[in-house]
Amino acid sequence: MKKILLSIWKVIRNKYVAATLVFLLFFLFLGENNVLVTHQLKRDVASLNREIDLLEHDIKQDSAEAESLFGNMDALETYGREHYYMKRDNEDIYIIKD
């Protein structure tokens, strides 16, 4: 065991190996853009891309709904009555919530 440790120590004492180890240690764990930060940023980008896809889907769905509403006045009136509780002048509306 002692011989193995001495042989490893001899290799590490080499100035090129030591410089390489310090360089790798700094950039892998201690630097500003280390492996952990890079991994976190990749996860954030993936999450934001999923959110973009969801919002684009919602935009397409809302655009199709708006297209159908503005083309048909009866559908627009129905939408206004259901979502915004609009009424005609001669009507009374009672809203019952559970």
C-alpha atoms as a PDB file:
ATOM      1  CA  MET A   1       0.000   0.000   0.000  1.00  0.00           C
ATOM      2  CA  LYS A   2       2.828   2.337   0.899  1.00  0.00           C
ATOM      3  CA  LYS A   3       4.589   1.614  -2.406  1.00  0.00           C
ATOM      4  CA  ILE A   4       1.452   2.480  -4.349  1.00  0.00           C
ATOM      5  CA  LEU A   5       1.056   5.772  -2.493  1.00  0.00           C
ATOM      6  CA  LEU A   6       4.709   6.634  -3.063  1.00  0.00           C
ATOM      7  CA  SER A   7       4.422   5.933  -6.778  1.00  0.00           C
ATOM      8  CA  ILE A   8       1.280   8.090  -7.008  1.00  0.00           C
ATOM      9  CA  TRP A   9       3.032  10.858  -5.081  1.00  0.00           C
ATOM     10  CA  LYS A  10       5.965  10.772  -7.479  1.00  0.00           C
ATOM     11  CA  VAL A  11       3.619  11.175 -10.423  1.00  0.00           C
ATOM     12  CA  ILE A  12       1.727  14.038  -8.768  1.00  0.00           C
ATOM     13  CA  ARG A  13       4.972  15.854  -7.891  1.00  0.00           C
ATOM     14  CA  ASN A  14       5.708  16.246 -11.565  1.00  0.00           C
ATOM     15  CA  LYS A  15       5.071  19.927 -12.301  1.00  0.00           C
ATOM     16  CA  TYR A  16       3.100  19.230 -15.485  1.00  0.00           C
ATOM     17  CA  VAL A  17       0.822  16.714 -13.810  1.00  0.00           C
ATOM     18  CA  ALA A  18       0.336  19.012 -10.808  1.00  0.00           C
ATOM     19  CA  ALA A  19      -0.487  21.976 -13.055  1.00  0.00           C
ATOM     20  CA  THR A  20      -2.945  19.864 -15.026  1.00  0.00           C
ATOM     21  CA  LEU A  21      -4.647  18.644 -11.829  1.00  0.00           C
ATOM     22  CA  VAL A  22      -4.934  22.186 -10.465  1.00  0.00           C
ATOM     23  CA  PHE A  23      -6.310  23.374 -13.807  1.00  0.00           C
ATOM     24  CA  LEU A  24      -8.903  20.578 -13.919  1.00  0.00           C
ATOM     25  CA  LEU A  25      -9.884  21.082 -10.284  1.00  0.00           C
ATOM     26  CA  PHE A  26     -10.389  24.788 -10.808  1.00  0.00           C
ATOM     27  CA  PHE A  27     -12.448  24.514 -13.959  1.00  0.00           C
ATOM     28  CA  LEU A  28     -14.497  21.505 -12.891  1.00  0.00           C
ATOM     29  CA  PHE A  29     -15.440  22.605  -9.380  1.00  0.00           C
ATOM     30  CA  LEU A  30     -14.157  26.042  -8.374  1.00  0.00           C
ATOM     31  CA  GLY A  31     -14.575  28.301 -11.405  1.00  0.00           C
ATOM     32  CA  GLU A  32     -17.494  30.548 -12.190  1.00  0.00           C
ATOM     33  CA  ASN A  33     -18.760  28.226 -14.949  1.00  0.00           C
ATOM     34  CA  ASN A  34     -18.145  24.916 -13.252  1.00  0.00           C
ATOM     35  CA  VAL A  35     -19.856  21.611 -13.981  1.00  0.00           C
ATOM     36  CA  LEU A  36     -22.610  22.135 -11.415  1.00  0.00           C
ATOM     37  CA  VAL A  37     -23.546  25.578 -12.745  1.00  0.00           C
ATOM     38  CA  THR A  38     -23.508  24.310 -16.320  1.00  0.00           C
ATOM     39  CA  HIS A  39     -25.777  21.392 -15.409  1.00  0.00           C
ATOM     40  CA  GLN A  40     -28.218  23.736 -13.621  1.00  0.00           C
ATOM     41  CA  LEU A  41     -28.285  26.094 -16.610  1.00  0.00           C
ATOM     42  CA  LYS A  42     -29.013  23.200 -18.982  1.00  0.00           C
ATOM     43  CA  ARG A  43     -31.948  22.133 -16.799  1.00  0.00           C
ATOM     44  CA  ASP A  44     -33.247  25.719 -16.750  1.00  0.00           C
ATOM     45  CA  VAL A  45     -33.012  25.966 -20.546  1.00  0.00           C
ATOM     46  CA  ALA A  46     -34.898  22.682 -20.951  1.00  0.00           C
ATOM     47  CA  SER A  47     -37.599  23.898 -18.565  1.00  0.00           C
ATOM     48  CA  LEU A  48     -37.941  27.188 -20.423  1.00  0.00           C
ATOM     49  CA  ASN A  49     -38.162  25.379 -23.762  1.00  0.00           C
ATOM     50  CA  ARG A  50     -41.009  23.249 -22.408  1.00  0.00           C
ATOM     51  CA  GLU A  51     -42.740  26.421 -21.224  1.00  0.00           C
ATOM     52  CA  ILE A  52     -42.279  28.017 -24.674  1.00  0.00           C
ATOM     53  CA  ASP A  53     -43.869  24.981 -26.330  1.00  0.00           C
ATOM     54  CA  LEU A  54     -46.813  25.110 -23.910  1.00  0.00           C
ATOM     55  CA  LEU A  55     -47.351  28.833 -24.472  1.00  0.00           C
ATOM     56  CA  GLU A  56     -47.141  28.451 -28.257  1.00  0.00           C
ATOM     57  CA  HIS A  57     -49.796  25.737 -28.041  1.00  0.00           C
ATOM     58  CA  ASP A  58     -51.992  28.061 -25.946  1.00  0.00           C
ATOM     59  CA  ILE A  59     -51.512  30.886 -28.457  1.00  0.00           C
ATOM     60  CA  LYS A  60     -52.601  28.647 -31.340  1.00  0.00           C
ATOM     61  CA  GLN A  61     -55.630  27.474 -29.386  1.00  0.00           C
ATOM     62  CA  ASP A  62     -56.647  31.014 -28.391  1.00  0.00           C
ATOM     63  CA  SER A  63     -56.131  32.286 -31.939  1.00  0.00           C
ATOM     64  CA  ALA A  64     -58.427  29.582 -33.301  1.00  0.00           C
ATOM     65  CA  GLU A  65     -61.035  30.431 -30.650  1.00  0.00           C
ATOM     66  CA  ALA A  66     -60.819  34.155 -31.427  1.00  0.00           C
ATOM     67  CA  GLU A  67     -61.140  33.425 -35.154  1.00  0.00           C
ATOM     68  CA  SER A  68     -64.332  31.467 -34.559  1.00  0.00           C
ATOM     69  CA  LEU A  69     -65.761  34.109 -32.198  1.00  0.00           C
ATOM     70  CA  PHE A  70     -65.193  37.151 -34.381  1.00  0.00           C
ATOM     71  CA  GLY A  71     -66.663  35.421 -37.405  1.00  0.00           C
ATOM     72  CA  ASN A  72     -69.950  34.560 -35.712  1.00  0.00           C
ATOM     73  CA  MET A  73     -71.907  37.119 -33.660  1.00  0.00           C
ATOM     74  CA  ASP A  74     -74.049  34.444 -31.978  1.00  0.00           C
ATOM     75  CA  ALA A  75     -70.937  32.633 -30.769  1.00  0.00           C
ATOM     76  CA  LEU A  76     -69.509  35.939 -29.504  1.00  0.00           C
ATOM     77  CA  GLU A  77     -72.698  36.675 -27.588  1.00  0.00           C
ATOM     78  CA  THR A  78     -72.698  33.182 -26.078  1.00  0.00           C
ATOM     79  CA  TYR A  79     -69.047  33.535 -25.042  1.00  0.00           C
ATOM     80  CA  GLY A  80     -69.712  36.923 -23.421  1.00  0.00           C
ATOM     81  CA  ARG A  81     -72.711  35.583 -21.534  1.00  0.00           C
ATOM     82  CA  GLU A  82     -70.856  32.517 -20.253  1.00  0.00           C
ATOM     83  CA  HIS A  83     -67.524  34.055 -19.306  1.00  0.00           C
ATOM     84  CA  TYR A  84     -68.290  37.676 -18.446  1.00  0.00           C
ATOM     85  CA  TYR A  85     -71.902  37.366 -17.256  1.00  0.00           C
ATOM     86  CA  MET A  86     -73.127  39.891 -19.836  1.00  0.00           C
ATOM     87  CA  LYS A  87     -76.851  40.369 -20.245  1.00  0.00           C
ATOM     88  CA  ARG A  88     -79.403  42.183 -22.327  1.00  0.00           C
ATOM     89  CA  ASP A  89     -81.215  45.222 -20.947  1.00  0.00           C
ATOM     90  CA  ASN A  90     -84.474  43.386 -20.302  1.00  0.00           C
ATOM     91  CA  GLU A  91     -82.909  40.349 -18.557  1.00  0.00           C
ATOM     92  CA  ASP A  92     -82.070  39.492 -14.972  1.00  0.00           C
ATOM     93  CA  ILE A  93     -79.214  37.110 -14.258  1.00  0.00           C
ATOM     94  CA  TYR A  94     -78.850  35.103 -11.072  1.00  0.00           C
ATOM     95  CA  ILE A  95     -75.449  33.539 -10.380  1.00  0.00           C
ATOM     96  CA  ILE A  96     -75.407  30.615  -7.981  1.00  0.00           C
ATOM     97  CA  LYS A  97     -71.992  29.442  -6.841  1.00  0.00           C
ATOM     98  CA  ASP A  98     -71.323  26.340  -4.740  1.00  0.00           C
END
